[in-house]
Amino acid sequence: RPNDTTIHFVKEWVRWGAGPRAGQA
């Protein structure tokens, strides 16, 4: 999630990150 991460790659290229269902999966 761009708003929660410190990884620049994610902040630069991602619009929306995965939700809790992704963790369950």
PDB file of all heavy atoms in Angstrom:
ATOM      1  N   ARG A   1       0.843  -1.204   0.000  1.00  0.00           N
ATOM      2  CA  ARG A   1       0.000   0.000   0.000  1.00  0.00           C
ATOM      3  C   ARG A   1       0.874   1.247   0.000  1.00  0.00           C
ATOM      4  O   ARG A   1       1.678   1.446   0.909  1.00  0.00           O
ATOM      5  CB  ARG A   1      -0.909  -0.017   1.234  1.00  0.00           C
ATOM      6  CG  ARG A   1      -1.770  -1.270   1.310  1.00  0.00           C
ATOM      7  CD  ARG A   1      -2.403  -1.471   2.661  1.00  0.00           C
ATOM      8  NE  ARG A   1      -2.993  -2.801   2.760  1.00  0.00           N
ATOM      9  CZ  ARG A   1      -3.350  -3.371   3.909  1.00  0.00           C
ATOM     10  NH1 ARG A   1      -3.187  -2.707   5.050  1.00  0.00           N
ATOM     11  NH2 ARG A   1      -3.863  -4.587   3.909  1.00  0.00           N
ATOM     12  N   PRO A   2       0.721   2.087  -1.010  1.00  0.00           N
ATOM     13  CA  PRO A   2       1.604   3.265  -1.151  1.00  0.00           C
ATOM     14  C   PRO A   2       1.640   4.160   0.073  1.00  0.00           C
ATOM     15  O   PRO A   2       2.683   4.745   0.379  1.00  0.00           O
ATOM     16  CB  PRO A   2       1.000   3.994  -2.357  1.00  0.00           C
ATOM     17  CG  PRO A   2       0.267   2.946  -3.115  1.00  0.00           C
ATOM     18  CD  PRO A   2      -0.250   1.978  -2.106  1.00  0.00           C
ATOM     19  N   ASN A   3       0.535   4.266   0.811  1.00  0.00           N
ATOM     20  CA  ASN A   3       0.496   5.160   1.966  1.00  0.00           C
ATOM     21  C   ASN A   3       1.144   4.570   3.211  1.00  0.00           C
ATOM     22  O   ASN A   3       1.415   5.289   4.173  1.00  0.00           O
ATOM     23  CB  ASN A   3      -0.954   5.550   2.288  1.00  0.00           C
ATOM     24  CG  ASN A   3      -1.564   6.423   1.210  1.00  0.00           C
ATOM     25  OD1 ASN A   3      -0.856   7.102   0.481  1.00  0.00           O
ATOM     26  ND2 ASN A   3      -2.880   6.386   1.100  1.00  0.00           N
ATOM     27  N   ASP A   4       1.376   3.253   3.213  1.00  0.00           N
ATOM     28  CA  ASP A   4       1.917   2.594   4.405  1.00  0.00           C
ATOM     29  C   ASP A   4       3.367   2.144   4.258  1.00  0.00           C
ATOM     30  O   ASP A   4       4.011   1.831   5.254  1.00  0.00           O
ATOM     31  CB  ASP A   4       1.074   1.359   4.764  1.00  0.00           C
ATOM     32  CG  ASP A   4      -0.324   1.726   5.216  1.00  0.00           C
ATOM     33  OD1 ASP A   4      -0.497   2.839   5.737  1.00  0.00           O
ATOM     34  OD2 ASP A   4      -1.235   0.899   5.044  1.00  0.00           O
ATOM     35  N   THR A   5       3.852   2.064   3.024  1.00  0.00           N
ATOM     36  CA  THR A   5       5.153   1.459   2.783  1.00  0.00           C
ATOM     37  C   THR A   5       6.281   2.493   2.776  1.00  0.00           C
ATOM     38  O   THR A   5       6.053   3.684   2.558  1.00  0.00           O
ATOM     39  CB  THR A   5       5.142   0.697   1.449  1.00  0.00           C
ATOM     40  OG1 THR A   5       6.358  -0.041   1.305  1.00  0.00           O
ATOM     41  CG2 THR A   5       5.004   1.649   0.269  1.00  0.00           C
ATOM     42  N   THR A   6       7.490   2.000   3.021  1.00  0.00           N
ATOM     43  CA  THR A   6       8.680   2.844   2.866  1.00  0.00           C
ATOM     44  C   THR A   6       9.449   2.489   1.607  1.00  0.00           C
ATOM     45  O   THR A   6      10.490   3.081   1.335  1.00  0.00           O
ATOM     46  CB  THR A   6       9.616   2.666   4.075  1.00  0.00           C
ATOM     47  OG1 THR A   6      10.030   1.289   4.150  1.00  0.00           O
ATOM     48  CG2 THR A   6       8.921   3.063   5.372  1.00  0.00           C
ATOM     49  N   ILE A   7       8.938   1.505   0.843  1.00  0.00           N
ATOM     50  CA  ILE A   7       9.626   1.055  -0.364  1.00  0.00           C
ATOM     51  C   ILE A   7       9.288   2.010  -1.514  1.00  0.00           C
ATOM     52  O   ILE A   7       8.127   2.138  -1.911  1.00  0.00           O
ATOM     53  CB  ILE A   7       9.246  -0.397  -0.713  1.00  0.00           C
ATOM     54  CG1 ILE A   7       9.707  -1.328   0.414  1.00  0.00           C
ATOM     55  CG2 ILE A   7       9.860  -0.821  -2.042  1.00  0.00           C
ATOM     56  CD1 ILE A   7       9.343  -2.777   0.217  1.00  0.00           C
ATOM     57  N   HIS A   8      10.303   2.661  -2.050  1.00  0.00           N
ATOM     58  CA  HIS A   8      10.095   3.678  -3.078  1.00  0.00           C
ATOM     59  C   HIS A   8       9.436   3.099  -4.325  1.00  0.00           C
ATOM     60  O   HIS A   8       8.607   3.764  -4.964  1.00  0.00           O
ATOM     61  CB  HIS A   8      11.436   4.324  -3.444  1.00  0.00           C
ATOM     62  CG  HIS A   8      11.319   5.363  -4.531  1.00  0.00           C
ATOM     63  ND1 HIS A   8      10.727   6.589  -4.312  1.00  0.00           N
ATOM     64  CD2 HIS A   8      11.703   5.338  -5.842  1.00  0.00           C
ATOM     65  CE1 HIS A   8      10.747   7.288  -5.447  1.00  0.00           C
ATOM     66  NE2 HIS A   8      11.333   6.547  -6.380  1.00  0.00           N
ATOM     67  N   PHE A   9       9.778   1.877  -4.685  1.00  0.00           N
ATOM     68  CA  PHE A   9       9.222   1.248  -5.892  1.00  0.00           C
ATOM     69  C   PHE A   9       7.697   1.193  -5.825  1.00  0.00           C
ATOM     70  O   PHE A   9       6.996   1.450  -6.809  1.00  0.00           O
ATOM     71  CB  PHE A   9       9.801  -0.164  -6.050  1.00  0.00           C
ATOM     72  CG  PHE A   9       9.546  -0.799  -7.387  1.00  0.00           C
ATOM     73  CD1 PHE A   9      10.415  -0.601  -8.449  1.00  0.00           C
ATOM     74  CD2 PHE A   9       8.426  -1.591  -7.597  1.00  0.00           C
ATOM     75  CE1 PHE A   9      10.175  -1.188  -9.690  1.00  0.00           C
ATOM     76  CE2 PHE A   9       8.180  -2.177  -8.826  1.00  0.00           C
ATOM     77  CZ  PHE A   9       9.068  -1.974  -9.877  1.00  0.00           C
ATOM     78  N   VAL A  10       7.181   0.866  -4.642  1.00  0.00           N
ATOM     79  CA  VAL A  10       5.728   0.793  -4.465  1.00  0.00           C
ATOM     80  C   VAL A  10       5.113   2.186  -4.547  1.00  0.00           C
ATOM     81  O   VAL A  10       4.093   2.399  -5.214  1.00  0.00           O
ATOM     82  CB  VAL A  10       5.390   0.123  -3.122  1.00  0.00           C
ATOM     83  CG1 VAL A  10       3.881   0.172  -2.856  1.00  0.00           C
ATOM     84  CG2 VAL A  10       5.886  -1.316  -3.093  1.00  0.00           C
ATOM     85  N   LYS A  11       5.706   3.147  -3.888  1.00  0.00           N
ATOM     86  CA  LYS A  11       5.175   4.512  -3.901  1.00  0.00           C
ATOM     87  C   LYS A  11       5.128   5.090  -5.312  1.00  0.00           C
ATOM     88  O   LYS A  11       4.230   5.861  -5.664  1.00  0.00           O
ATOM     89  CB  LYS A  11       6.025   5.407  -3.006  1.00  0.00           C
ATOM     90  CG  LYS A  11       5.873   5.141  -1.516  1.00  0.00           C
ATOM     91  CD  LYS A  11       6.713   6.107  -0.707  1.00  0.00           C
ATOM     92  CE  LYS A  11       6.477   5.923   0.782  1.00  0.00           C
ATOM     93  NZ  LYS A  11       5.108   6.328   1.193  1.00  0.00           N
ATOM     94  N   GLU A  12       6.099   4.708  -6.138  1.00  0.00           N
ATOM     95  CA  GLU A  12       6.201   5.276  -7.478  1.00  0.00           C
ATOM     96  C   GLU A  12       5.221   4.655  -8.461  1.00  0.00           C
ATOM     97  O   GLU A  12       4.689   5.347  -9.325  1.00  0.00           O
ATOM     98  CB  GLU A  12       7.631   5.107  -7.998  1.00  0.00           C
ATOM     99  CG  GLU A  12       7.851   5.747  -9.363  1.00  0.00           C
ATOM    100  CD  GLU A  12       9.298   5.648  -9.829  1.00  0.00           C
ATOM    101  OE1 GLU A  12      10.116   4.999  -9.125  1.00  0.00           O
ATOM    102  OE2 GLU A  12       9.610   6.217 -10.888  1.00  0.00           O
ATOM    103  N   TRP A  13       4.956   3.338  -8.331  1.00  0.00           N
ATOM    104  CA  TRP A  13       4.234   2.642  -9.389  1.00  0.00           C
ATOM    105  C   TRP A  13       2.845   2.125  -9.007  1.00  0.00           C
ATOM    106  O   TRP A  13       2.044   1.798  -9.879  1.00  0.00           O
ATOM    107  CB  TRP A  13       5.059   1.454  -9.884  1.00  0.00           C
ATOM    108  CG  TRP A  13       6.427   1.806 -10.373  1.00  0.00           C
ATOM    109  CD1 TRP A  13       7.618   1.506  -9.786  1.00  0.00           C
ATOM    110  CD2 TRP A  13       6.761   2.547 -11.558  1.00  0.00           C
ATOM    111  NE1 TRP A  13       8.670   1.985 -10.511  1.00  0.00           N
ATOM    112  CE2 TRP A  13       8.172   2.640 -11.622  1.00  0.00           C
ATOM    113  CE3 TRP A  13       6.016   3.137 -12.579  1.00  0.00           C
ATOM    114  CZ2 TRP A  13       8.846   3.286 -12.638  1.00  0.00           C
ATOM    115  CZ3 TRP A  13       6.681   3.783 -13.600  1.00  0.00           C
ATOM    116  CH2 TRP A  13       8.072   3.856 -13.627  1.00  0.00           C
ATOM    117  N   VAL A  14       2.539   2.039  -7.719  1.00  0.00           N
ATOM    118  CA  VAL A  14       1.287   1.403  -7.286  1.00  0.00           C
ATOM    119  C   VAL A  14       0.225   2.448  -6.963  1.00  0.00           C
ATOM    120  O   VAL A  14       0.501   3.435  -6.278  1.00  0.00           O
ATOM    121  CB  VAL A  14       1.535   0.492  -6.060  1.00  0.00           C
ATOM    122  CG1 VAL A  14       0.223  -0.067  -5.524  1.00  0.00           C
ATOM    123  CG2 VAL A  14       2.492  -0.645  -6.429  1.00  0.00           C
ATOM    124  N   ARG A  15      -0.991   2.212  -7.455  1.00  0.00           N
ATOM    125  CA  ARG A  15      -2.127   3.087  -7.159  1.00  0.00           C
ATOM    126  C   ARG A  15      -2.857   2.627  -5.902  1.00  0.00           C
ATOM    127  O   ARG A  15      -3.169   3.413  -5.033  1.00  0.00           O
ATOM    128  CB  ARG A  15      -3.084   3.109  -8.355  1.00  0.00           C
ATOM    129  CG  ARG A  15      -4.332   3.953  -8.179  1.00  0.00           C
ATOM    130  CD  ARG A  15      -4.945   4.307  -9.531  1.00  0.00           C
ATOM    131  NE  ARG A  15      -5.205   3.125 -10.338  1.00  0.00           N
ATOM    132  CZ  ARG A  15      -6.399   2.531 -10.439  1.00  0.00           C
ATOM    133  NH1 ARG A  15      -7.430   3.019  -9.769  1.00  0.00           N
ATOM    134  NH2 ARG A  15      -6.554   1.472 -11.204  1.00  0.00           N
ATOM    135  N   TRP A  16      -3.190   1.325  -5.842  1.00  0.00           N
ATOM    136  CA  TRP A  16      -3.847   0.753  -4.670  1.00  0.00           C
ATOM    137  C   TRP A  16      -3.153  -0.557  -4.311  1.00  0.00           C
ATOM    138  O   TRP A  16      -2.831  -1.359  -5.188  1.00  0.00           O
ATOM    139  CB  TRP A  16      -5.330   0.470  -4.929  1.00  0.00           C
ATOM    140  CG  TRP A  16      -6.173   1.688  -5.105  1.00  0.00           C
ATOM    141  CD1 TRP A  16      -6.634   2.212  -6.268  1.00  0.00           C
ATOM    142  CD2 TRP A  16      -6.663   2.553  -4.079  1.00  0.00           C
ATOM    143  NE1 TRP A  16      -7.363   3.351  -6.053  1.00  0.00           N
ATOM    144  CE2 TRP A  16      -7.409   3.579  -4.700  1.00  0.00           C
ATOM    145  CE3 TRP A  16      -6.553   2.564  -2.686  1.00  0.00           C
ATOM    146  CZ2 TRP A  16      -8.023   4.596  -3.989  1.00  0.00           C
ATOM    147  CZ3 TRP A  16      -7.176   3.577  -1.976  1.00  0.00           C
ATOM    148  CH2 TRP A  16      -7.904   4.575  -2.632  1.00  0.00           C
ATOM    149  N   GLY A  17      -2.956  -0.774  -3.023  1.00  0.00           N
ATOM    150  CA  GLY A  17      -2.338  -2.012  -2.571  1.00  0.00           C
ATOM    151  C   GLY A  17      -3.372  -3.079  -2.252  1.00  0.00           C
ATOM    152  O   GLY A  17      -4.575  -2.889  -2.434  1.00  0.00           O
ATOM    153  N   ALA A  18      -2.887  -4.216  -1.776  1.00  0.00           N
ATOM    154  CA  ALA A  18      -3.750  -5.352  -1.463  1.00  0.00           C
ATOM    155  C   ALA A  18      -4.450  -5.149  -0.122  1.00  0.00           C
ATOM    156  O   ALA A  18      -3.917  -4.517   0.787  1.00  0.00           O
ATOM    157  CB  ALA A  18      -2.925  -6.635  -1.446  1.00  0.00           C
ATOM    158  N   GLY A  19      -5.641  -5.735   0.012  1.00  0.00           N
ATOM    159  CA  GLY A  19      -6.403  -5.667   1.247  1.00  0.00           C
ATOM    160  C   GLY A  19      -6.170  -6.888   2.119  1.00  0.00           C
ATOM    161  O   GLY A  19      -5.401  -7.797   1.770  1.00  0.00           O
ATOM    162  N   PRO A  20      -6.854  -6.940   3.270  1.00  0.00           N
ATOM    163  CA  PRO A  20      -6.671  -8.072   4.191  1.00  0.00           C
ATOM    164  C   PRO A  20      -6.988  -9.428   3.572  1.00  0.00           C
ATOM    165  O   PRO A  20      -6.407 -10.438   3.973  1.00  0.00           O
ATOM    166  CB  PRO A  20      -7.654  -7.749   5.331  1.00  0.00           C
ATOM    167  CG  PRO A  20      -7.823  -6.264   5.279  1.00  0.00           C
ATOM    168  CD  PRO A  20      -7.738  -5.903   3.829  1.00  0.00           C
ATOM    169  N   ARG A  21      -7.916  -9.466   2.592  1.00  0.00           N
ATOM    170  CA  ARG A  21      -8.228 -10.752   1.973  1.00  0.00           C
ATOM    171  C   ARG A  21      -7.006 -11.358   1.294  1.00  0.00           C
ATOM    172  O   ARG A  21      -6.876 -12.581   1.197  1.00  0.00           O
ATOM    173  CB  ARG A  21      -9.374 -10.591   0.961  1.00  0.00           C
ATOM    174  CG  ARG A  21      -9.876 -11.927   0.406  1.00  0.00           C
ATOM    175  CD  ARG A  21     -11.007 -11.746  -0.598  1.00  0.00           C
ATOM    176  NE  ARG A  21     -12.260 -11.489   0.084  1.00  0.00           N
ATOM    177  CZ  ARG A  21     -13.124 -10.552  -0.266  1.00  0.00           C
ATOM    178  NH1 ARG A  21     -12.845  -9.735  -1.268  1.00  0.00           N
ATOM    179  NH2 ARG A  21     -14.255 -10.401   0.382  1.00  0.00           N
ATOM    180  N   ALA A  22      -6.089 -10.510   0.827  1.00  0.00           N
ATOM    181  CA  ALA A  22      -4.860 -11.013   0.218  1.00  0.00           C
ATOM    182  C   ALA A  22      -4.017 -11.764   1.240  1.00  0.00           C
ATOM    183  O   ALA A  22      -3.429 -12.815   0.935  1.00  0.00           O
ATOM    184  CB  ALA A  22      -4.060  -9.855  -0.387  1.00  0.00           C
ATOM    185  N   GLY A  23      -3.941 -11.241   2.461  1.00  0.00           N
ATOM    186  CA  GLY A  23      -3.196 -11.924   3.507  1.00  0.00           C
ATOM    187  C   GLY A  23      -3.818 -13.258   3.866  1.00  0.00           C
ATOM    188  O   GLY A  23      -3.115 -14.266   4.066  1.00  0.00           O
ATOM    189  N   GLN A  24      -5.148 -13.286   3.943  1.00  0.00           N
ATOM    190  CA  GLN A  24      -5.843 -14.544   4.208  1.00  0.00           C
ATOM    191  C   GLN A  24      -5.552 -15.558   3.101  1.00  0.00           C
ATOM    192  O   GLN A  24      -5.275 -16.738   3.376  1.00  0.00           O
ATOM    193  CB  GLN A  24      -7.353 -14.293   4.296  1.00  0.00           C
ATOM    194  CG  GLN A  24      -7.766 -13.415   5.460  1.00  0.00           C
ATOM    195  CD  GLN A  24      -9.214 -12.969   5.362  1.00  0.00           C
ATOM    196  OE1 GLN A  24      -9.813 -12.971   4.278  1.00  0.00           O
ATOM    197  NE2 GLN A  24      -9.784 -12.568   6.493  1.00  0.00           N
ATOM    198  N   ALA A  25      -5.606 -15.084   1.856  1.00  0.00           N
ATOM    199  CA  ALA A  25      -5.358 -15.979   0.715  1.00  0.00           C
ATOM    200  C   ALA A  25      -3.931 -16.498   0.726  1.00  0.00           C
ATOM    201  O   ALA A  25      -3.682 -17.678   0.427  1.00  0.00           O
ATOM    202  CB  ALA A  25      -5.643 -15.238  -0.587  1.00  0.00           C
TER     203      ALA A  25
END
